[in-house]
Amino acid sequence: MSISNELISLREASKLSGYHSDYLSFLIRSNKLKGHRVGRMWVVYKSDFENFLKNKENPQKSPSNFFQKLSRAIFTTFLVAFFVFITVQILKNPESGKKVANNITYQK
């Protein structure tokens, strides 16, 4: 089997996977998919692309991904709690100009 038989264009890869060719070229540029540019066309090795699809379908749980999601969830929870706290403080103290929290005042 020659190398040219193993290379496929992003158009072919797009048909095989259902991913848009622009998305696949983005993955190549961000080093998440191995590929090369030949002239104006991106190509990938078919075996590398098949491995990428297998890993995409069954992603390994990486600790860094877990902690990123966890920290995002904690931050979101904190923001919601903060805004609920401020809203409750404003509703408790409806007088105009009353200090609610540090540097936050309620204005009618």
C-alpha atoms as a PDB file:
ATOM      1  CA  MET A   1       0.000   0.000   0.000  1.00  0.00           C
ATOM      2  CA  SER A   2       1.465   3.360  -0.949  1.00  0.00           C
ATOM      3  CA  ILE A   3       1.342   6.506   1.150  1.00  0.00           C
ATOM      4  CA  SER A   4      -0.971   8.222  -1.325  1.00  0.00           C
ATOM      5  CA  ASN A   5      -3.578   5.503  -0.675  1.00  0.00           C
ATOM      6  CA  GLU A   6      -3.443   6.209   3.043  1.00  0.00           C
ATOM      7  CA  LEU A   7      -3.923   9.959   2.732  1.00  0.00           C
ATOM      8  CA  ILE A   8      -7.457  11.290   2.561  1.00  0.00           C
ATOM      9  CA  SER A   9      -8.656  14.827   2.051  1.00  0.00           C
ATOM     10  CA  LEU A  10     -10.742  16.619   4.647  1.00  0.00           C
ATOM     11  CA  ARG A  11     -13.668  16.425   2.260  1.00  0.00           C
ATOM     12  CA  GLU A  12     -13.447  12.623   2.345  1.00  0.00           C
ATOM     13  CA  ALA A  13     -12.873  12.646   6.095  1.00  0.00           C
ATOM     14  CA  SER A  14     -15.912  14.868   6.474  1.00  0.00           C
ATOM     15  CA  LYS A  15     -18.061  12.390   4.558  1.00  0.00           C
ATOM     16  CA  LEU A  16     -16.772   9.504   6.685  1.00  0.00           C
ATOM     17  CA  SER A  17     -17.273  11.215  10.028  1.00  0.00           C
ATOM     18  CA  GLY A  18     -20.092  13.706   9.606  1.00  0.00           C
ATOM     19  CA  TYR A  19     -17.873  16.521  10.910  1.00  0.00           C
ATOM     20  CA  HIS A  20     -17.631  19.627   8.763  1.00  0.00           C
ATOM     21  CA  SER A  21     -14.320  20.013   6.937  1.00  0.00           C
ATOM     22  CA  ASP A  22     -13.805  23.467   8.507  1.00  0.00           C
ATOM     23  CA  TYR A  23     -14.059  21.893  11.962  1.00  0.00           C
ATOM     24  CA  LEU A  24     -11.576  19.189  10.977  1.00  0.00           C
ATOM     25  CA  SER A  25      -9.096  21.792   9.713  1.00  0.00           C
ATOM     26  CA  PHE A  26      -9.528  23.661  13.003  1.00  0.00           C
ATOM     27  CA  LEU A  27      -8.683  20.441  14.868  1.00  0.00           C
ATOM     28  CA  ILE A  28      -5.544  20.034  12.780  1.00  0.00           C
ATOM     29  CA  ARG A  29      -4.450  23.640  13.378  1.00  0.00           C
ATOM     30  CA  SER A  30      -5.030  23.221  17.125  1.00  0.00           C
ATOM     31  CA  ASN A  31      -2.991  19.958  17.156  1.00  0.00           C
ATOM     32  CA  LYS A  32      -5.923  17.775  18.193  1.00  0.00           C
ATOM     33  CA  LEU A  33      -5.843  15.869  14.910  1.00  0.00           C
ATOM     34  CA  LYS A  34      -2.747  14.968  12.933  1.00  0.00           C
ATOM     35  CA  GLY A  35      -2.813  16.351   9.427  1.00  0.00           C
ATOM     36  CA  HIS A  36      -0.794  18.163   6.809  1.00  0.00           C
ATOM     37  CA  ARG A  37      -1.377  20.904   4.319  1.00  0.00           C
ATOM     38  CA  VAL A  38      -0.619  20.061   0.713  1.00  0.00           C
ATOM     39  CA  GLY A  39      -0.917  23.241  -1.305  1.00  0.00           C
ATOM     40  CA  ARG A  40      -4.315  24.636  -0.386  1.00  0.00           C
ATOM     41  CA  MET A  41      -5.735  21.309   0.760  1.00  0.00           C
ATOM     42  CA  TRP A  42      -5.546  19.636   4.162  1.00  0.00           C
ATOM     43  CA  VAL A  43      -4.982  15.874   4.264  1.00  0.00           C
ATOM     44  CA  VAL A  44      -4.896  13.312   7.050  1.00  0.00           C
ATOM     45  CA  TYR A  45      -3.668   9.754   7.238  1.00  0.00           C
ATOM     46  CA  LYS A  46      -6.652   7.455   7.225  1.00  0.00           C
ATOM     47  CA  SER A  47      -5.286   5.395  10.136  1.00  0.00           C
ATOM     48  CA  ASP A  48      -4.725   8.536  12.250  1.00  0.00           C
ATOM     49  CA  PHE A  49      -8.214   9.757  11.423  1.00  0.00           C
ATOM     50  CA  GLU A  50      -9.771   6.414  12.370  1.00  0.00           C
ATOM     51  CA  ASN A  51      -7.879   6.489  15.686  1.00  0.00           C
ATOM     52  CA  PHE A  52      -9.122  10.034  16.266  1.00  0.00           C
ATOM     53  CA  LEU A  53     -12.712   8.936  15.671  1.00  0.00           C
ATOM     54  CA  LYS A  54     -12.353   5.993  18.056  1.00  0.00           C
ATOM     55  CA  ASN A  55     -10.985   8.253  20.778  1.00  0.00           C
ATOM     56  CA  LYS A  56     -13.662  10.861  20.069  1.00  0.00           C
ATOM     57  CA  GLU A  57     -16.416   8.274  20.474  1.00  0.00           C
ATOM     58  CA  ASN A  58     -14.872   6.803  23.643  1.00  0.00           C
ATOM     59  CA  PRO A  59     -12.991   9.675  25.239  1.00  0.00           C
ATOM     60  CA  GLN A  60     -10.707   8.747  28.088  1.00  0.00           C
ATOM     61  CA  LYS A  61     -11.571  10.625  31.214  1.00  0.00           C
ATOM     62  CA  SER A  62      -8.641  12.906  31.770  1.00  0.00           C
ATOM     63  CA  PRO A  63      -8.203  14.408  35.231  1.00  0.00           C
ATOM     64  CA  SER A  64      -7.539  17.869  33.806  1.00  0.00           C
ATOM     65  CA  ASN A  65     -10.860  17.841  31.920  1.00  0.00           C
ATOM     66  CA  PHE A  66     -12.647  16.737  35.096  1.00  0.00           C
ATOM     67  CA  PHE A  67     -11.099  19.528  37.160  1.00  0.00           C
ATOM     68  CA  GLN A  68     -11.839  22.116  34.477  1.00  0.00           C
ATOM     69  CA  LYS A  69     -15.518  21.160  34.517  1.00  0.00           C
ATOM     70  CA  LEU A  70     -15.552  21.036  38.310  1.00  0.00           C
ATOM     71  CA  SER A  71     -13.968  24.476  38.667  1.00  0.00           C
ATOM     72  CA  ARG A  72     -16.405  25.908  36.114  1.00  0.00           C
ATOM     73  CA  ALA A  73     -19.335  24.432  38.058  1.00  0.00           C
ATOM     74  CA  ILE A  74     -18.023  25.794  41.363  1.00  0.00           C
ATOM     75  CA  PHE A  75     -17.510  29.250  39.846  1.00  0.00           C
ATOM     76  CA  THR A  76     -21.020  29.249  38.352  1.00  0.00           C
ATOM     77  CA  THR A  77     -22.499  28.173  41.697  1.00  0.00           C
ATOM     78  CA  PHE A  78     -20.583  30.943  43.444  1.00  0.00           C
ATOM     79  CA  LEU A  79     -21.873  33.570  41.011  1.00  0.00           C
ATOM     80  CA  VAL A  80     -25.461  32.435  41.415  1.00  0.00           C
ATOM     81  CA  ALA A  81     -25.142  32.430  45.213  1.00  0.00           C
ATOM     82  CA  PHE A  82     -23.581  35.903  45.145  1.00  0.00           C
ATOM     83  CA  PHE A  83     -26.376  37.384  43.042  1.00  0.00           C
ATOM     84  CA  VAL A  84     -29.033  35.702  45.173  1.00  0.00           C
ATOM     85  CA  PHE A  85     -27.367  37.111  48.294  1.00  0.00           C
ATOM     86  CA  ILE A  86     -27.269  40.650  46.846  1.00  0.00           C
ATOM     87  CA  THR A  87     -30.891  40.396  45.690  1.00  0.00           C
ATOM     88  CA  VAL A  88     -32.038  39.237  49.132  1.00  0.00           C
ATOM     89  CA  GLN A  89     -30.096  42.053  50.800  1.00  0.00           C
ATOM     90  CA  ILE A  90     -31.683  44.617  48.496  1.00  0.00           C
ATOM     91  CA  LEU A  91     -35.162  43.227  49.148  1.00  0.00           C
ATOM     92  CA  LYS A  92     -34.542  43.273  52.915  1.00  0.00           C
ATOM     93  CA  ASN A  93     -33.361  46.901  52.825  1.00  0.00           C
ATOM     94  CA  PRO A  94     -35.547  48.738  50.311  1.00  0.00           C
ATOM     95  CA  GLU A  95     -34.667  52.227  51.613  1.00  0.00           C
ATOM     96  CA  SER A  96     -33.016  54.354  49.006  1.00  0.00           C
ATOM     97  CA  GLY A  97     -29.286  54.745  49.438  1.00  0.00           C
ATOM     98  CA  LYS A  98     -29.000  52.080  52.143  1.00  0.00           C
ATOM     99  CA  LYS A  99     -25.637  50.344  52.096  1.00  0.00           C
ATOM    100  CA  VAL A 100     -26.179  46.697  51.132  1.00  0.00           C
ATOM    101  CA  ALA A 101     -22.643  45.366  50.864  1.00  0.00           C
ATOM    102  CA  ASN A 102     -19.162  46.792  50.423  1.00  0.00           C
ATOM    103  CA  ASN A 103     -19.407  49.611  47.862  1.00  0.00           C
ATOM    104  CA  ILE A 104     -22.892  48.498  46.729  1.00  0.00           C
ATOM    105  CA  THR A 105     -25.866  50.731  47.456  1.00  0.00           C
ATOM    106  CA  TYR A 106     -29.481  50.384  46.582  1.00  0.00           C
ATOM    107  CA  GLN A 107     -30.996  53.273  44.619  1.00  0.00           C
ATOM    108  CA  LYS A 108     -34.703  53.690  43.892  1.00  0.00           C
END
